[in-house]
C-alpha atoms as a PDB file:
ATOM      1  CA  ARG A   1     -23.164  41.919-100.500  1.00  0.00           C
ATOM      2  CA  PHE A   2     -25.786  39.477-101.179  1.00  0.00           C
ATOM      3  CA  THR A   3     -26.160  35.671-101.508  1.00  0.00           C
ATOM      4  CA  PRO A   4     -25.914  34.459-104.774  1.00  0.00           C
ATOM      5  CA  GLY A   5     -27.677  30.835-103.886  1.00  0.00           C
ATOM      6  CA  ILE A   6     -24.812  28.902-105.581  1.00  0.00           C
ATOM      7  CA  GLU A   7     -23.682  25.568-103.631  1.00  0.00           C
ATOM      8  CA  CYS A   8     -20.163  24.486-104.005  1.00  0.00           C
ATOM      9  CA  HIS A   9     -18.325  21.208-102.677  1.00  0.00           C
ATOM     10  CA  THR A  10     -16.060  22.667 -99.697  1.00  0.00           C
ATOM     11  CA  HIS A  11     -16.481  22.367 -95.733  1.00  0.00           C
ATOM     12  CA  GLU A  12     -19.899  23.633 -94.690  1.00  0.00           C
ATOM     13  CA  TYR A  13     -18.183  25.951 -92.103  1.00  0.00           C
ATOM     14  CA  ILE A  14     -16.663  27.742 -95.252  1.00  0.00           C
ATOM     15  CA  ARG A  15     -19.629  28.033 -97.771  1.00  0.00           C
ATOM     16  CA  THR A  16     -20.973  31.202 -97.818  1.00  0.00           C
ATOM     17  CA  GLY A  17     -23.072  31.282-101.146  1.00  0.00           C
ATOM     18  CA  HIS A  18     -25.908  28.835-100.568  1.00  0.00           C
ATOM     19  CA  LEU A  19     -29.544  30.398 -99.652  1.00  0.00           C
ATOM     20  CA  ASP A  20     -29.155  29.244 -96.069  1.00  0.00           C
ATOM     21  CA  SER A  21     -26.183  31.358 -95.198  1.00  0.00           C
ATOM     22  CA  LYS A  22     -25.480  34.193 -92.658  1.00  0.00           C
ATOM     23  CA  PHE A  23     -23.749  36.381 -95.430  1.00  0.00           C
ATOM     24  CA  GLY A  24     -25.092  39.040 -97.429  1.00  0.00           C
ATOM     25  CA  PHE A  25     -28.902  40.201 -98.164  1.00  0.00           C
ATOM     26  CA  ASP A  26     -31.086  37.367 -99.484  1.00  0.00           C
ATOM     27  CA  PRO A  27     -31.499  37.523-103.237  1.00  0.00           C
ATOM     28  CA  ASP A  28     -35.356  37.874-102.816  1.00  0.00           C
ATOM     29  CA  GLN A  29     -34.689  40.901-100.839  1.00  0.00           C
ATOM     30  CA  LEU A  30     -32.101  42.561-103.433  1.00  0.00           C
ATOM     31  CA  GLU A  31     -34.760  44.826-105.258  1.00  0.00           C
ATOM     32  CA  GLN A  32     -36.335  45.982-101.982  1.00  0.00           C
ATOM     33  CA  VAL A  33     -32.828  46.877-100.675  1.00  0.00           C
ATOM     34  CA  LEU A  34     -31.843  48.680-103.951  1.00  0.00           C
ATOM     35  CA  THR A  35     -35.225  50.326-104.149  1.00  0.00           C
ATOM     36  CA  HIS A  36     -34.388  51.817-100.679  1.00  0.00           C
ATOM     37  CA  LEU A  37     -31.137  53.036-101.227  1.00  0.00           C
ATOM     38  CA  ALA A  38     -32.404  54.853-104.434  1.00  0.00           C
ATOM     39  CA  GLY A  39     -34.313  56.962-101.918  1.00  0.00           C
ATOM     40  CA  CYS A  40     -31.362  57.945 -99.725  1.00  0.00           C
ATOM     41  CA  ARG A  41     -29.657  60.693-100.554  1.00  0.00           C
ATOM     42  CA  TRP A  42     -26.610  59.567 -98.379  1.00  0.00           C
ATOM     43  CA  ALA A  43     -26.047  56.199-100.383  1.00  0.00           C
ATOM     44  CA  ARG A  44     -24.312  55.683-103.771  1.00  0.00           C
ATOM     45  CA  VAL A  45     -23.984  51.918-104.858  1.00  0.00           C
ATOM     46  CA  GLN A  46     -20.469  51.616-106.187  1.00  0.00           C
ATOM     47  CA  GLY A  47     -20.767  48.238-106.585  1.00  0.00           C
ATOM     48  CA  LEU A  48     -22.111  44.762-105.921  1.00  0.00           C
ATOM     49  CA  HIS A  49     -20.703  41.766-104.315  1.00  0.00           C
ATOM     50  CA  ALA A  50     -21.010  38.132-103.824  1.00  0.00           C
ATOM     51  CA  HIS A  51     -18.753  35.273-102.309  1.00  0.00           C
ATOM     52  CA  ILE A  52     -19.618  31.619-102.636  1.00  0.00           C
ATOM     53  CA  GLY A  53     -17.033  30.078-100.131  1.00  0.00           C
ATOM     54  CA  SER A  54     -13.298  29.016 -99.872  1.00  0.00           C
ATOM     55  CA  GLN A  55     -10.977  26.367-100.672  1.00  0.00           C
ATOM     56  CA  ILE A  56     -12.767  25.630-103.852  1.00  0.00           C
ATOM     57  CA  PHE A  57     -11.448  23.475-106.747  1.00  0.00           C
ATOM     58  CA  GLU A  58     -14.305  23.841-109.020  1.00  0.00           C
ATOM     59  CA  VAL A  59     -14.791  26.313-111.899  1.00  0.00           C
ATOM     60  CA  GLU A  60     -18.296  25.977-112.819  1.00  0.00           C
ATOM     61  CA  PRO A  61     -19.835  27.604-109.569  1.00  0.00           C
ATOM     62  CA  HIS A  62     -17.564  30.829-110.639  1.00  0.00           C
ATOM     63  CA  ARG A  63     -18.999  30.841-114.136  1.00  0.00           C
ATOM     64  CA  ASP A  64     -22.806  30.337-112.465  1.00  0.00           C
ATOM     65  CA  LEU A  65     -21.762  33.565-110.238  1.00  0.00           C
ATOM     66  CA  ALA A  66     -21.081  35.821-113.403  1.00  0.00           C
ATOM     67  CA  ALA A  67     -24.473  35.360-114.695  1.00  0.00           C
ATOM     68  CA  VAL A  68     -26.010  36.030-111.153  1.00  0.00           C
ATOM     69  CA  LEU A  69     -24.078  39.359-110.749  1.00  0.00           C
ATOM     70  CA  ALA A  70     -24.672  40.259-114.305  1.00  0.00           C
ATOM     71  CA  ASP A  71     -28.497  40.016-113.600  1.00  0.00           C
ATOM     72  CA  ALA A  72     -27.906  42.027-110.447  1.00  0.00           C
ATOM     73  CA  LEU A  73     -26.198  44.699-112.638  1.00  0.00           C
ATOM     74  CA  VAL A  74     -29.182  44.879-114.590  1.00  0.00           C
ATOM     75  CA  LEU A  75     -31.368  45.292-111.734  1.00  0.00           C
ATOM     76  CA  ALA A  76     -29.402  47.801-110.189  1.00  0.00           C
ATOM     77  CA  ARG A  77     -29.176  50.168-113.144  1.00  0.00           C
ATOM     78  CA  ARG A  78     -32.884  49.423-113.798  1.00  0.00           C
ATOM     79  CA  LEU A  79     -33.445  51.123-110.396  1.00  0.00           C
ATOM     80  CA  GLY A  80     -31.289  54.154-110.754  1.00  0.00           C
ATOM     81  CA  HIS A  81     -28.042  53.035-109.681  1.00  0.00           C
ATOM     82  CA  GLU A  82     -24.690  53.035-111.255  1.00  0.00           C
ATOM     83  CA  PRO A  83     -22.502  50.634-109.892  1.00  0.00           C
ATOM     84  CA  SER A  84     -19.143  50.476-111.802  1.00  0.00           C
ATOM     85  CA  ASP A  85     -17.699  47.391-109.662  1.00  0.00           C
ATOM     86  CA  LEU A  86     -18.466  43.845-109.468  1.00  0.00           C
ATOM     87  CA  ASN A  87     -16.861  41.804-106.905  1.00  0.00           C
ATOM     88  CA  VAL A  88     -16.952  37.967-107.411  1.00  0.00           C
ATOM     89  CA  GLY A  89     -15.181  37.241-104.246  1.00  0.00           C
ATOM     90  CA  GLY A  90     -12.456  34.504-103.775  1.00  0.00           C
ATOM     91  CA  GLY A  91     -12.565  31.114-102.882  1.00  0.00           C
ATOM     92  CA  LEU A  92      -9.745  29.700-105.097  1.00  0.00           C
ATOM     93  CA  GLY A  93      -8.379  26.600-103.246  1.00  0.00           C
ATOM     94  CA  ILE A  94      -4.575  25.515-102.969  1.00  0.00           C
ATOM     95  CA  ARG A  95      -2.720  22.308-102.526  1.00  0.00           C
ATOM     96  CA  TYR A  96      -2.573  21.283 -98.758  1.00  0.00           C
ATOM     97  CA  VAL A  97      -2.057  17.602 -99.751  1.00  0.00           C
ATOM     98  CA  ALA A  98      -1.200  15.432-102.892  1.00  0.00           C
ATOM     99  CA  SER A  99      -4.896  14.756-103.531  1.00  0.00           C
ATOM    100  CA  ASP A 100      -5.897  18.277-103.782  1.00  0.00           C
ATOM    101  CA  ASP A 101      -6.272  19.449-107.492  1.00  0.00           C
ATOM    102  CA  PRO A 102      -6.929  23.050-107.581  1.00  0.00           C
ATOM    103  CA  PRO A 103      -6.628  25.094-110.889  1.00  0.00           C
ATOM    104  CA  SER A 104      -4.043  27.736-111.210  1.00  0.00           C
ATOM    105  CA  ILE A 105      -4.570  31.312-110.471  1.00  0.00           C
ATOM    106  CA  ASP A 106      -4.082  32.328-114.205  1.00  0.00           C
ATOM    107  CA  GLY A 107      -6.453  29.416-115.312  1.00  0.00           C
ATOM    108  CA  TRP A 108      -9.181  30.544-112.408  1.00  0.00           C
ATOM    109  CA  VAL A 109      -8.845  34.262-113.578  1.00  0.00           C
ATOM    110  CA  GLN A 110      -9.404  33.355-117.272  1.00  0.00           C
ATOM    111  CA  VAL A 111     -12.588  31.500-116.330  1.00  0.00           C
ATOM    112  CA  VAL A 112     -14.003  34.123-114.303  1.00  0.00           C
ATOM    113  CA  ALA A 113     -13.021  36.899-116.742  1.00  0.00           C
ATOM    114  CA  GLU A 114     -14.440  35.042-119.571  1.00  0.00           C
ATOM    115  CA  ALA A 115     -17.820  34.331-117.836  1.00  0.00           C
ATOM    116  CA  MET A 116     -18.003  37.831-116.666  1.00  0.00           C
ATOM    117  CA  VAL A 117     -17.856  39.028-120.270  1.00  0.00           C
ATOM    118  CA  ALA A 118     -20.197  36.631-121.760  1.00  0.00           C
ATOM    119  CA  ALA A 119     -22.839  37.416-119.155  1.00  0.00           C
ATOM    120  CA  CYS A 120     -22.190  41.017-119.858  1.00  0.00           C
ATOM    121  CA  ARG A 121     -22.359  41.080-123.469  1.00  0.00           C
ATOM    122  CA  GLU A 122     -25.722  38.698-123.364  1.00  0.00           C
ATOM    123  CA  ARG A 123     -27.467  41.611-121.414  1.00  0.00           C
ATOM    124  CA  ASN A 124     -25.943  44.470-123.188  1.00  0.00           C
ATOM    125  CA  LEU A 125     -23.980  45.720-120.332  1.00  0.00           C
ATOM    126  CA  GLU A 126     -21.004  47.934-120.363  1.00  0.00           C
ATOM    127  CA  LEU A 127     -18.053  45.912-118.845  1.00  0.00           C
ATOM    128  CA  PRO A 128     -17.705  46.661-114.953  1.00  0.00           C
ATOM    129  CA  ARG A 129     -14.661  46.784-113.026  1.00  0.00           C
ATOM    130  CA  LEU A 130     -14.019  43.182-112.208  1.00  0.00           C
ATOM    131  CA  LEU A 131     -12.558  42.699-108.545  1.00  0.00           C
ATOM    132  CA  CYS A 132     -11.596  39.565-106.916  1.00  0.00           C
ATOM    133  CA  GLU A 133     -10.313  38.359-103.480  1.00  0.00           C
ATOM    134  CA  PRO A 134      -7.310  35.837-103.988  1.00  0.00           C
ATOM    135  CA  GLY A 135      -6.089  36.037-100.333  1.00  0.00           C
ATOM    136  CA  ARG A 136      -5.625  32.356 -99.636  1.00  0.00           C
ATOM    137  CA  SER A 137      -4.234  31.318-102.918  1.00  0.00           C
ATOM    138  CA  LEU A 138      -1.355  33.676-102.893  1.00  0.00           C
ATOM    139  CA  VAL A 139      -0.514  33.717 -99.188  1.00  0.00           C
ATOM    140  CA  ALA A 140      -1.011  30.156 -98.044  1.00  0.00           C
ATOM    141  CA  PRO A 141       1.589  28.727 -99.992  1.00  0.00           C
ATOM    142  CA  ALA A 142       4.087  31.410 -98.795  1.00  0.00           C
ATOM    143  CA  GLY A 143       3.928  30.457 -95.339  1.00  0.00           C
ATOM    144  CA  VAL A 144       5.050  27.302 -93.210  1.00  0.00           C
ATOM    145  CA  THR A 145       5.127  26.733 -89.219  1.00  0.00           C
ATOM    146  CA  LEU A 146       7.945  25.209 -87.482  1.00  0.00           C
ATOM    147  CA  TYR A 147       7.381  23.147 -84.581  1.00  0.00           C
ATOM    148  CA  THR A 148       9.793  21.122 -82.394  1.00  0.00           C
ATOM    149  CA  VAL A 149       9.273  17.433 -81.789  1.00  0.00           C
ATOM    150  CA  GLY A 150       8.791  16.440 -78.066  1.00  0.00           C
ATOM    151  CA  SER A 151       7.222  13.523 -76.625  1.00  0.00           C
ATOM    152  CA  ARG A 152       6.175   9.922 -78.056  1.00  0.00           C
ATOM    153  CA  LYS A 153       3.374   7.977 -77.233  1.00  0.00           C
ATOM    154  CA  GLN A 154       3.181   4.558 -79.101  1.00  0.00           C
ATOM    155  CA  ILE A 155       0.348   1.952 -78.372  1.00  0.00           C
ATOM    156  CA  PRO A 156       1.064  -1.335 -80.223  1.00  0.00           C
ATOM    157  CA  ASP A 157      -1.082  -2.164 -83.264  1.00  0.00           C
ATOM    158  CA  LEU A 158      -3.193   0.830 -82.644  1.00  0.00           C
ATOM    159  CA  ASN A 159      -1.279   4.348 -82.904  1.00  0.00           C
ATOM    160  CA  THR A 160       1.943   6.457 -82.602  1.00  0.00           C
ATOM    161  CA  TYR A 161       1.394   9.915 -81.264  1.00  0.00           C
ATOM    162  CA  VAL A 162       4.090  12.492 -81.937  1.00  0.00           C
ATOM    163  CA  ALA A 163       3.728  15.601 -79.812  1.00  0.00           C
ATOM    164  CA  VAL A 164       5.113  19.074 -80.767  1.00  0.00           C
ATOM    165  CA  ASP A 165       5.510  22.427 -78.879  1.00  0.00           C
ATOM    166  CA  GLY A 166       1.953  24.247 -80.761  1.00  0.00           C
ATOM    167  CA  GLY A 167      -0.945  22.929 -82.088  1.00  0.00           C
ATOM    168  CA  MET A 168      -4.617  24.154 -81.936  1.00  0.00           C
ATOM    169  CA  SER A 169      -3.919  27.565 -80.533  1.00  0.00           C
ATOM    170  CA  ASP A 170      -1.645  28.284 -83.628  1.00  0.00           C
ATOM    171  CA  ASN A 171      -3.599  26.323 -86.219  1.00  0.00           C
ATOM    172  CA  PRO A 172      -7.292  25.876 -85.354  1.00  0.00           C
ATOM    173  CA  ARG A 173      -8.289  24.958 -88.807  1.00  0.00           C
ATOM    174  CA  PRO A 174      -7.608  20.835 -88.354  1.00  0.00           C
ATOM    175  CA  ILE A 175     -10.127  20.724 -85.592  1.00  0.00           C
ATOM    176  CA  THR A 176     -12.213  23.401 -86.762  1.00  0.00           C
ATOM    177  CA  TYR A 177     -12.673  22.158 -90.263  1.00  0.00           C
ATOM    178  CA  GLN A 178     -10.875  18.657 -90.259  1.00  0.00           C
ATOM    179  CA  SER A 179      -8.167  20.304 -92.626  1.00  0.00           C
ATOM    180  CA  GLU A 180      -5.211  18.385 -93.894  1.00  0.00           C
ATOM    181  CA  TYR A 181      -1.538  19.574 -94.402  1.00  0.00           C
ATOM    182  CA  THR A 182       1.519  18.067 -95.801  1.00  0.00           C
ATOM    183  CA  ALA A 183       4.892  18.195 -93.305  1.00  0.00           C
ATOM    184  CA  CYS A 184       8.305  17.149 -93.358  1.00  0.00           C
ATOM    185  CA  LEU A 185      11.624  17.166 -91.292  1.00  0.00           C
ATOM    186  CA  ALA A 186      13.474  20.518 -91.573  1.00  0.00           C
ATOM    187  CA  ASP A 187      16.719  18.933 -91.925  1.00  0.00           C
ATOM    188  CA  ARG A 188      15.711  15.841 -94.118  1.00  0.00           C
ATOM    189  CA  PRO A 189      12.765  17.191 -96.172  1.00  0.00           C
ATOM    190  CA  GLY A 190      13.202  14.380 -98.802  1.00  0.00           C
ATOM    191  CA  ALA A 191      14.098  11.476 -96.242  1.00  0.00           C
ATOM    192  CA  GLU A 192      11.822   8.172 -96.648  1.00  0.00           C
ATOM    193  CA  ALA A 193       8.885   7.761 -94.477  1.00  0.00           C
ATOM    194  CA  THR A 194       9.458   4.787 -91.900  1.00  0.00           C
ATOM    195  CA  GLU A 195       6.596   5.038 -89.922  1.00  0.00           C
ATOM    196  CA  THR A 196       2.950   6.551 -89.781  1.00  0.00           C
ATOM    197  CA  VAL A 197       2.146   8.914 -86.782  1.00  0.00           C
ATOM    198  CA  THR A 198      -0.380  11.301 -85.383  1.00  0.00           C
ATOM    199  CA  LEU A 199       0.903  14.619 -85.038  1.00  0.00           C
ATOM    200  CA  VAL A 200      -0.670  16.043 -81.996  1.00  0.00           C
ATOM    201  CA  GLY A 201      -0.321  19.502 -80.096  1.00  0.00           C
ATOM    202  CA  LYS A 202       0.292  20.215 -76.471  1.00  0.00           C
ATOM    203  CA  HIS A 203      -3.052  21.589 -75.408  1.00  0.00           C
ATOM    204  CA  CYS A 204      -5.074  19.888 -72.955  1.00  0.00           C
ATOM    205  CA  GLU A 205      -7.698  18.946 -75.550  1.00  0.00           C
ATOM    206  CA  SER A 206      -8.225  15.512 -77.068  1.00  0.00           C
ATOM    207  CA  GLY A 207      -9.102  17.118 -80.400  1.00  0.00           C
ATOM    208  CA  ASP A 208      -5.976  18.745 -80.432  1.00  0.00           C
ATOM    209  CA  VAL A 209      -4.444  16.843 -83.648  1.00  0.00           C
ATOM    210  CA  LEU A 210      -2.706  18.682 -86.274  1.00  0.00           C
ATOM    211  CA  LEU A 211      -2.244  16.034 -88.364  1.00  0.00           C
ATOM    212  CA  LYS A 212      -3.536  11.844 -88.839  1.00  0.00           C
ATOM    213  CA  GLN A 213      -1.610   9.156 -90.675  1.00  0.00           C
ATOM    214  CA  LEU A 214       1.414  11.167 -91.347  1.00  0.00           C
ATOM    215  CA  PRO A 215       4.392   9.383 -92.900  1.00  0.00           C
ATOM    216  CA  LEU A 216       7.537  10.586 -91.374  1.00  0.00           C
ATOM    217  CA  PRO A 217      11.120   9.442 -90.947  1.00  0.00           C
ATOM    218  CA  ALA A 218      12.237   8.218 -87.560  1.00  0.00           C
ATOM    219  CA  THR A 219      12.040  11.477 -85.125  1.00  0.00           C
ATOM    220  CA  GLU A 220      13.548  12.252 -82.142  1.00  0.00           C
ATOM    221  CA  PRO A 221      12.667  15.010 -79.593  1.00  0.00           C
ATOM    222  CA  GLY A 222      14.368  18.316 -80.540  1.00  0.00           C
ATOM    223  CA  ASP A 223      13.809  17.662 -84.333  1.00  0.00           C
ATOM    224  CA  VAL A 224      12.232  20.520 -86.155  1.00  0.00           C
ATOM    225  CA  LEU A 225       8.870  19.564 -88.114  1.00  0.00           C
ATOM    226  CA  VAL A 226       7.524  21.736 -90.899  1.00  0.00           C
ATOM    227  CA  VAL A 227       4.242  22.017 -91.830  1.00  0.00           C
ATOM    228  CA  LEU A 228       3.536  23.280 -95.321  1.00  0.00           C
ATOM    229  CA  ALA A 229       1.227  25.953 -96.741  1.00  0.00           C
ATOM    230  CA  THR A 230       0.241  27.811 -93.358  1.00  0.00           C
ATOM    231  CA  GLY A 231       0.348  31.464 -94.616  1.00  0.00           C
ATOM    232  CA  ALA A 232      -3.368  31.563 -94.464  1.00  0.00           C
ATOM    233  CA  TYR A 233      -5.953  31.543 -91.576  1.00  0.00           C
ATOM    234  CA  ASN A 234      -3.125  30.424 -89.103  1.00  0.00           C
ATOM    235  CA  ALA A 235      -1.698  33.408 -87.489  1.00  0.00           C
ATOM    236  CA  SER A 236      -4.614  35.221 -88.287  1.00  0.00           C
ATOM    237  CA  MET A 237      -7.132  32.865 -86.389  1.00  0.00           C
ATOM    238  CA  ALA A 238      -4.328  31.980 -83.258  1.00  0.00           C
ATOM    239  CA  SER A 239      -5.436  32.092 -80.047  1.00  0.00           C
ATOM    240  CA  ASN A 240      -4.256  31.957 -76.309  1.00  0.00           C
ATOM    241  CA  TYR A 241      -5.913  28.788 -75.572  1.00  0.00           C
ATOM    242  CA  ASN A 242      -4.717  27.169 -72.427  1.00  0.00           C
ATOM    243  CA  ARG A 243      -2.711  30.376 -71.945  1.00  0.00           C
ATOM    244  CA  ILE A 244      -0.411  29.847 -74.798  1.00  0.00           C
ATOM    245  CA  PRO A 245       1.551  32.136 -75.968  1.00  0.00           C
ATOM    246  CA  LYS A 246       1.430  33.053 -79.595  1.00  0.00           C
ATOM    247  CA  PRO A 247       4.686  32.332 -81.471  1.00  0.00           C
ATOM    248  CA  ALA A 248       6.969  34.621 -83.195  1.00  0.00           C
ATOM    249  CA  ALA A 249       6.709  35.304 -87.388  1.00  0.00           C
ATOM    250  CA  VAL A 250       9.631  35.742 -89.389  1.00  0.00           C
ATOM    251  CA  LEU A 251       9.867  36.974 -93.002  1.00  0.00           C
ATOM    252  CA  VAL A 252      12.403  34.983 -95.248  1.00  0.00           C
ATOM    253  CA  ALA A 253      13.497  36.587 -98.471  1.00  0.00           C
ATOM    254  CA  ASP A 254      16.671  36.352-100.411  1.00  0.00           C
ATOM    255  CA  GLY A 255      18.618  34.667 -97.973  1.00  0.00           C
ATOM    256  CA  CYS A 256      17.575  36.899 -95.148  1.00  0.00           C
ATOM    257  CA  ALA A 257      15.292  36.337 -92.252  1.00  0.00           C
ATOM    258  CA  GLU A 258      13.346  39.386 -90.466  1.00  0.00           C
ATOM    259  CA  LEU A 259      11.420  39.380 -87.275  1.00  0.00           C
ATOM    260  CA  VAL A 260       7.902  40.885 -88.089  1.00  0.00           C
ATOM    261  CA  GLN A 261       6.032  39.566 -85.147  1.00  0.00           C
ATOM    262  CA  ARG A 262       8.129  38.595 -81.698  1.00  0.00           C
ATOM    263  CA  ARG A 263       6.958  35.604 -79.625  1.00  0.00           C
ATOM    264  CA  GLU A 264       4.669  36.572 -76.921  1.00  0.00           C
ATOM    265  CA  ARG A 265       5.836  36.099 -73.177  1.00  0.00           C
ATOM    266  CA  PRO A 266       3.890  34.204 -70.545  1.00  0.00           C
ATOM    267  CA  ASP A 267       3.495  37.489 -68.318  1.00  0.00           C
ATOM    268  CA  GLU A 268       2.002  39.319 -71.154  1.00  0.00           C
ATOM    269  CA  LEU A 269      -1.186  37.087 -71.263  1.00  0.00           C
ATOM    270  CA  LEU A 270      -1.776  38.858 -67.866  1.00  0.00           C
ATOM    271  CA  ARG A 271      -1.727  42.480 -69.064  1.00  0.00           C
ATOM    272  CA  TYR A 272      -5.442  42.843 -69.361  1.00  0.00           C
ATOM    273  CA  ASP A 273      -6.250  40.856 -65.994  1.00  0.00           C
ATOM    274  CA  VAL A 274      -7.532  43.021 -63.218  1.00  0.00           C
ATOM    275  CA  LEU A 275      -7.587  42.033 -59.437  1.00  0.00           C
ATOM    276  CA  PRO A 276     -10.398  43.541 -57.516  1.00  0.00           C
ATOM    277  CA  GLU A 277      -9.519  45.529 -54.839  1.00  0.00           C
ATOM    278  CA  ARG A 278     -11.604  43.609 -52.243  1.00  0.00           C
ATOM    279  CA  LEU A 279      -9.394  40.422 -53.476  1.00  0.00           C
ATOM    280  CA  ARG A 280      -6.135  42.090 -52.890  1.00  0.00           C
ATOM    281  CA  SER A 281      -5.865  41.194 -49.067  1.00  0.00           C
ATOM    282  CA  VAL A 282      -7.054  38.024 -49.303  1.00  0.00           C
ATOM    283  CA  GLY A 283      -4.652  35.444 -47.766  1.00  0.00           C
END
């Protein structure tokens, strides 16, 4: 994997293709690395990989990436390698809120494939096997998170906070990337909004805010609130912040629900704790 030196418009924490990045070899190092590997009997360069970032709506950076990868393929073959694979990474964004406007999966694939074919033909290269990483675009829309509404705090002429029984431990993206989501009530998904609230979690952290300026119908404690498009980078990034157990995960298909990850119990959070012998008799 190498850094292609391509900028894209996304959050700075999920840009990976610009030069000042911890990911991949620097492009100026690529020839040196490939030359070194050519002299290693144990090494076989099967493919080349670059990734420009995540949650990207533009297609132009992926067109640029095709040319960069094709040039790297020319270099690798000139140095005696025979890579058969080019991996363009992923990065295709999804619609979290109404203002998001990502390309379709089919449209993105067409742009990437056509750009790679053109780049290879310009360089008289045999077409490689083309790989991509479509993770978020497939998984995120397939998942939702269900929260139970708890307390409410209304500050006249300033803000209304609605708290739920989860938050930054099961979804760290809002506090990490200022990510936005769409939400509705489970039993009234199409109900007209009557107020604008700030949806907050139950953690001891002022930054534990899931959604700001969220339009909702009137809610009561015990209502179930659905946050959409949480299938990616939620459960996989969850933690036990504040010693909060992780929620269960349920697979729903064809009218059937199946438990695929059971809810953690509070006592399970202590399973790796060890009390030193010298403290066992204290008190």
